[in-house]
Protein backbone atom coordinates (compact mmCIF):
# COMPACT_ATOMS: atom_id res chain seq x y z
CA HIS A 1 -30.74 -173.98 168.61
CA LYS A 2 -33.40 -176.09 169.01
CA ALA A 3 -32.59 -178.73 166.07
CA LEU A 4 -28.47 -178.38 167.23
CA TRP A 5 -29.34 -179.40 171.03
CA GLU A 6 -32.12 -182.43 169.45
CA ARG A 7 -29.07 -183.55 167.29
CA TYR A 8 -27.37 -184.59 170.72
CA GLY A 9 -30.42 -185.90 172.65
CA HIS A 10 -32.16 -183.08 174.44
CA ARG A 11 -35.84 -183.09 173.66
CA GLU A 12 -37.04 -181.01 176.20
CA LEU A 13 -37.02 -178.00 174.36
CA GLU A 14 -39.94 -176.03 173.17
CA LEU A 15 -40.08 -173.12 170.96
CA LEU A 16 -42.50 -170.47 171.53
CA GLU A 17 -43.67 -167.42 169.28
CA GLY A 18 -45.88 -164.10 169.15
CA ALA A 19 -48.28 -164.37 172.29
CA SER A 20 -47.44 -167.61 173.31
CA VAL A 21 -43.94 -166.17 174.53
CA LYS A 22 -46.08 -164.27 177.28
CA ARG A 23 -46.85 -167.68 178.63
CA GLU A 24 -43.53 -167.35 180.49
CA VAL A 25 -42.32 -163.74 180.00
CA ASN A 26 -44.96 -161.23 180.40
CA SER A 27 -43.21 -158.62 178.08
CA GLU A 28 -43.71 -157.08 174.71
CA ARG A 29 -40.22 -157.05 174.23
CA TYR A 30 -39.56 -160.49 172.89
CA VAL A 31 -40.87 -161.78 169.87
CA GLY A 32 -39.92 -165.63 170.48
CA ALA A 33 -38.37 -167.58 172.84
CA LEU A 34 -36.66 -171.38 173.70
CA VAL A 35 -37.69 -172.72 176.95
CA ASP A 36 -35.58 -175.84 178.45
CA HIS A 37 -38.10 -177.74 180.56
CA SER A 38 -35.06 -179.54 182.27
CA GLY A 39 -33.47 -176.44 183.29
CA GLY A 40 -33.61 -174.58 186.48
CA HIS A 41 -32.01 -171.75 188.32
CA MET A 42 -30.15 -171.73 192.01
CA HIS A 43 -28.43 -169.45 194.33
CA PRO A 44 -24.71 -169.47 193.59
CA LEU A 45 -23.76 -168.09 196.88
CA ASN A 46 -25.24 -171.07 198.66
CA LEU A 47 -23.52 -173.60 196.11
CA VAL A 48 -20.13 -172.00 196.78
CA LEU A 49 -20.77 -172.36 200.83
CA GLY A 50 -21.98 -175.83 200.44
CA GLU A 51 -19.04 -176.84 198.61
CA ALA A 52 -16.37 -175.18 200.79
CA ALA A 53 -17.97 -176.83 203.49
CA ALA A 54 -17.52 -180.17 201.92
CA PHE A 55 -14.12 -179.63 201.05
CA GLU A 56 -13.11 -178.74 204.41
CA SER A 57 -15.08 -181.86 205.46
CA ARG A 58 -12.95 -184.03 203.56
CA GLY A 59 -9.54 -182.30 205.11
CA GLY A 60 -8.82 -179.39 202.86
CA THR A 61 -7.93 -176.15 203.55
CA ILE A 62 -8.93 -172.84 202.29
CA TYR A 63 -6.46 -169.70 202.80
CA GLU A 64 -8.63 -166.43 202.29
CA GLN A 65 -7.42 -163.07 201.73
CA THR A 66 -4.10 -164.64 200.32
CA PRO A 67 -3.84 -163.64 196.73
CA VAL A 68 -1.39 -165.16 194.54
CA THR A 69 0.68 -162.42 193.32
CA ARG A 70 3.49 -164.06 191.02
CA LEU A 71 4.38 -167.68 189.83
CA ALA A 72 7.35 -169.00 189.16
CA HIS A 73 7.46 -172.25 186.74
CA GLY A 74 9.85 -175.02 188.27
CA ASP A 75 9.94 -177.88 189.99
CA PRO A 76 8.61 -177.24 192.76
CA VAL A 77 6.13 -174.15 191.71
CA GLN A 78 6.77 -170.93 193.56
CA LEU A 79 3.73 -169.09 194.26
CA THR A 80 4.31 -165.96 196.20
CA THR A 81 1.74 -164.31 198.48
CA PRO A 82 1.54 -161.10 200.63
CA GLY A 83 2.27 -163.49 203.43
CA GLY A 84 5.19 -165.73 201.77
CA VAL A 85 6.09 -168.42 199.29
CA VAL A 86 4.03 -171.44 198.51
CA ARG A 87 5.78 -174.32 196.89
CA ALA A 88 4.15 -177.26 195.17
CA ALA A 89 4.70 -180.08 193.23
CA ARG A 90 1.62 -179.36 191.01
CA VAL A 91 -0.82 -176.44 191.21
CA VAL A 92 -4.19 -175.81 189.36
CA MET A 93 -5.03 -172.27 188.36
CA ALA A 94 -8.82 -171.44 188.76
CA GLY A 95 -8.89 -167.72 189.68
CA ASN A 96 -10.34 -167.09 185.99
CA ALA A 97 -10.80 -163.46 185.51
CA TYR A 98 -9.23 -162.69 188.96
CA LEU A 99 -5.65 -163.87 187.91
CA GLN A 100 -4.35 -160.73 186.23
CA GLY A 101 -0.49 -160.60 186.10
CA VAL A 102 -0.04 -164.36 187.31
CA LEU A 103 0.03 -166.14 184.12
CA PRO A 104 0.78 -163.18 181.58
CA GLU A 105 1.37 -166.01 179.04
CA LEU A 106 -2.62 -166.56 178.58
CA GLU A 107 -3.55 -163.14 179.31
CA GLY A 108 -3.88 -161.64 175.37
CA LYS A 109 -5.81 -164.62 174.79
CA SER A 110 -8.98 -163.55 177.33
CA MET A 111 -10.15 -160.49 178.61
CA PRO A 112 -11.72 -159.72 181.99
CA CYS A 113 -15.44 -158.10 181.64
CA GLY A 114 -17.58 -156.71 184.42
CA THR A 115 -21.48 -157.28 184.50
CA GLN A 116 -23.78 -155.76 186.95
CA ILE A 117 -26.85 -156.86 188.72
CA ILE A 118 -29.88 -155.68 190.56
CA ALA A 119 -32.43 -156.61 193.10
CA THR A 120 -35.48 -154.94 193.58
CA GLU A 121 -37.80 -154.63 196.88
CA PRO A 122 -39.79 -157.92 197.63
CA LEU A 123 -42.73 -157.84 195.38
CA GLU A 124 -46.10 -159.01 196.00
CA PRO A 125 -46.78 -162.48 194.96
CA THR A 126 -49.41 -161.91 192.67
CA ARG A 127 -46.93 -159.05 190.90
CA ALA A 128 -44.02 -161.03 191.04
CA GLN A 129 -45.84 -164.04 189.10
CA ALA A 130 -47.50 -161.75 186.64
CA LEU A 131 -43.77 -160.95 185.59
CA LEU A 132 -42.81 -164.36 184.87
CA PRO A 133 -45.49 -166.69 185.38
CA ASN A 134 -43.49 -170.10 185.61
CA GLY A 135 -40.72 -168.58 187.63
CA MET A 136 -38.16 -169.33 184.61
CA ALA A 137 -34.64 -167.90 184.88
CA VAL A 138 -34.54 -165.84 181.47
CA GLU A 139 -31.63 -164.85 179.21
CA ASP A 140 -32.18 -163.12 175.88
CA CYS A 141 -30.10 -163.03 172.62
CA ASN A 142 -28.63 -159.63 172.34
CA TYR A 143 -24.85 -159.62 171.85
CA LEU A 144 -25.06 -157.47 175.44
CA LEU A 145 -27.55 -159.91 176.84
CA ASP A 146 -29.98 -159.19 179.58
CA TYR A 147 -30.71 -161.83 182.34
CA PHE A 148 -33.38 -161.93 184.94
CA ARG A 149 -34.89 -164.16 187.43
CA LEU A 150 -37.33 -164.32 190.65
CA THR A 151 -35.99 -165.14 194.11
CA ALA A 152 -37.86 -167.13 196.55
CA ASP A 153 -38.79 -163.93 198.67
CA ASN A 154 -40.04 -162.31 194.92
CA ARG A 155 -37.30 -160.16 194.55
CA LEU A 156 -36.67 -159.53 190.88
CA LEU A 157 -33.03 -160.14 190.06
CA TYR A 158 -32.35 -158.23 187.00
CA GLY A 159 -28.78 -158.23 185.14
CA GLY A 160 -26.74 -156.94 182.38
CA GLY A 161 -24.24 -154.74 180.39
CA VAL A 162 -20.80 -155.28 179.74
CA ASN A 163 -17.46 -153.38 180.75
CA TYR A 164 -14.86 -154.52 179.05
CA GLY A 165 -11.57 -154.60 181.21
CA GLY A 166 -13.77 -155.31 184.52
CA GLN A 167 -14.12 -151.45 185.73
CA ASP A 168 -17.32 -151.25 187.95
CA PRO A 169 -19.61 -148.19 186.78
CA ASN A 170 -20.18 -145.46 189.30
CA ASP A 171 -23.76 -146.24 189.57
CA ILE A 172 -25.08 -149.96 188.83
CA GLU A 173 -28.44 -149.08 188.92
CA ALA A 174 -28.43 -146.20 186.87
CA VAL A 175 -27.17 -148.68 184.27
CA ILE A 176 -29.23 -151.57 184.91
CA ARG A 177 -32.56 -150.27 185.76
CA PRO A 178 -33.39 -148.76 182.29
CA LYS A 179 -33.06 -152.33 180.88
CA MET A 180 -35.26 -153.58 183.57
CA GLU A 181 -38.17 -150.93 182.87
CA LYS A 182 -37.63 -151.58 178.88
CA THR A 183 -38.70 -155.27 179.65
CA PHE A 184 -40.99 -154.99 182.23
CA PRO A 185 -42.25 -151.03 182.11
CA GLY A 186 -44.97 -151.51 185.09
CA LEU A 187 -42.07 -151.78 187.36
CA LYS A 188 -40.92 -148.09 187.36
CA ASP A 189 -42.35 -147.46 190.82
CA VAL A 190 -40.52 -150.36 192.33
CA GLY A 191 -37.58 -149.83 194.46
CA VAL A 192 -34.14 -151.32 193.93
CA GLU A 193 -32.33 -152.37 197.25
CA TYR A 194 -29.44 -154.15 196.09
CA ALA A 195 -27.02 -153.69 193.27
CA TRP A 196 -23.43 -155.22 192.51
CA SER A 197 -21.15 -156.36 190.02
CA GLY A 198 -18.47 -159.30 189.17
CA THR A 199 -15.93 -160.01 186.63
CA PHE A 200 -15.93 -162.90 184.13
CA LEU A 201 -13.15 -163.93 181.51
CA MET A 202 -14.37 -163.87 178.06
CA THR A 203 -12.49 -165.76 175.03
CA LEU A 204 -12.54 -164.41 171.81
CA ASN A 205 -14.39 -168.04 170.46
CA ARG A 206 -16.19 -167.88 173.62
CA LEU A 207 -15.19 -171.27 174.31
CA PRO A 208 -13.36 -172.20 177.75
CA GLN A 209 -9.50 -172.52 177.75
CA PHE A 210 -8.12 -175.88 179.25
CA GLY A 211 -4.34 -176.69 179.64
CA VAL A 212 -1.09 -177.34 181.36
CA LEU A 213 2.04 -175.08 181.32
CA ASN A 214 5.50 -176.92 182.28
CA ASP A 215 3.78 -180.29 182.54
CA ASN A 216 2.87 -179.17 186.23
CA VAL A 217 0.65 -175.95 186.17
CA TYR A 218 -3.08 -177.04 185.24
CA TYR A 219 -5.60 -174.08 183.99
CA ALA A 220 -9.22 -173.93 183.13
CA GLN A 221 -10.72 -170.62 182.60
CA GLY A 222 -12.72 -168.71 180.45
CA TYR A 223 -15.87 -169.57 180.54
CA SER A 224 -17.45 -166.46 179.06
CA GLY A 225 -20.55 -165.94 181.25
CA HIS A 226 -21.30 -169.73 182.05
CA GLY A 227 -18.80 -170.37 184.88
CA VAL A 228 -21.42 -171.79 187.24
CA THR A 229 -22.22 -175.18 185.34
CA CYS A 230 -18.61 -175.35 183.44
CA THR A 231 -16.52 -175.19 186.42
CA HIS A 232 -18.00 -178.18 187.92
CA LEU A 233 -17.05 -179.88 184.89
CA ALA A 234 -13.66 -178.46 184.80
CA GLY A 235 -12.97 -179.78 188.29
CA ARG A 236 -13.96 -183.23 187.66
CA LEU A 237 -11.67 -183.01 183.97
CA ILE A 238 -8.98 -181.40 185.94
CA ALA A 239 -8.99 -184.39 188.85
CA GLU A 240 -8.98 -187.20 185.84
CA VAL A 241 -5.68 -185.29 184.24
CA MET A 242 -3.78 -185.11 187.41
CA THR A 243 -4.96 -189.12 188.13
CA GLY A 244 -3.83 -190.44 184.66
CA ARG A 245 -7.16 -190.00 182.94
CA ASP A 246 -6.80 -187.52 180.06
CA GLU A 247 -9.02 -188.16 177.28
CA ARG A 248 -11.86 -185.84 178.31
CA PHE A 249 -9.19 -182.74 179.59
CA ASP A 250 -7.48 -183.33 176.11
CA ALA A 251 -10.79 -183.07 174.24
CA PHE A 252 -11.21 -179.43 175.69
CA ALA A 253 -7.43 -178.52 175.69
CA GLY A 254 -7.18 -178.94 172.19
CA LEU A 255 -9.68 -176.24 171.66
CA PRO A 256 -7.81 -173.13 170.07
CA HIS A 257 -6.95 -170.35 172.27
CA LEU A 258 -7.33 -167.46 169.78
CA PRO A 259 -5.51 -164.29 170.66
CA PHE A 260 -7.93 -160.92 171.01
CA PRO A 261 -7.01 -158.56 168.20
CA GLY A 262 -4.68 -155.93 169.52
CA GLY A 263 -3.33 -158.24 172.12
CA ARG A 264 -2.84 -157.09 175.88
CA MET A 265 -3.05 -153.37 175.31
CA LEU A 266 -5.92 -152.78 172.47
CA ARG A 267 -8.32 -156.04 173.04
CA VAL A 268 -10.44 -153.73 175.60
CA PRO A 269 -11.01 -150.42 173.23
CA LEU A 270 -11.26 -152.66 169.99
CA SER A 271 -13.65 -155.21 171.63
CA ALA A 272 -16.17 -151.88 172.74
CA ILE A 273 -15.91 -151.04 169.26
CA GLY A 274 -17.17 -154.44 168.23
CA ALA A 275 -19.78 -154.75 170.97
CA TRP A 276 -21.06 -151.26 169.73
CA TYR A 277 -21.72 -152.17 166.35
CA TYR A 278 -23.72 -155.36 167.38
CA GLN A 279 -25.51 -153.75 170.04
CA THR A 280 -26.32 -150.83 167.22
CA ARG A 281 -27.58 -154.00 165.28
CA ASP A 282 -29.86 -155.27 168.03
CA ARG A 283 -31.45 -151.82 168.41
CA LEU A 284 -32.23 -151.86 165.05
CA GLY A 285 -33.74 -155.34 164.79
CA LEU A 286 -31.15 -156.45 162.22
């Protein structure tokens, strides 16, 4: 991965092995790490709230709690909501995993997946720093990966797990806490104050899906867990294509939209079987 990134000019990567890994992640779980010294982490909710405020300051209107339940192609496009029908000359569909039933022609080529996260009680600053000495945000390389970071008030956020189909587990802490304790056994006595989940949209090749339907319905979806960064690129490219500059949008639209084996009906169980196989390989260290 380091060599691949460097081919495209990214020179701020450092490969760690053995004991040097603990410089960034104080855990016995990992034997190597790739550090991106140009990276960082952010508060996603604050980001979207700021962007919503910026949108409204430019004259935009956001209609919350107004789900689109049906889209009828045509000129204009007709969007059915619980409160009425909206007609528009052009539509951008950016609902990602929350568009089930609205664009059925795309559903067999993507799959909603649930992921869960917990937040511990605030830790003593020295205890928090001992976990991640330089405050890095971390994701590992397992097929069903774990991801974690410290917050500004010294909580450890720890996420992981995938529920194919997007259903929430009955007890999120029971799913995620063992993962956290496997990475940081010293946290067995730490309380968990928050637990939540969200749904992302996964594609078979993990590449995003951009395109246009019927010449006036634009879509961008399927970020496969990398939506915070990729959605911002998607917004820029859709703005470009709608104003006549289509080169960059078309580069993404040309990526293959591969169907999941089994289609809409069997994509969840077949993906779960595949994930079990790769998760078993991770556990065996293969």
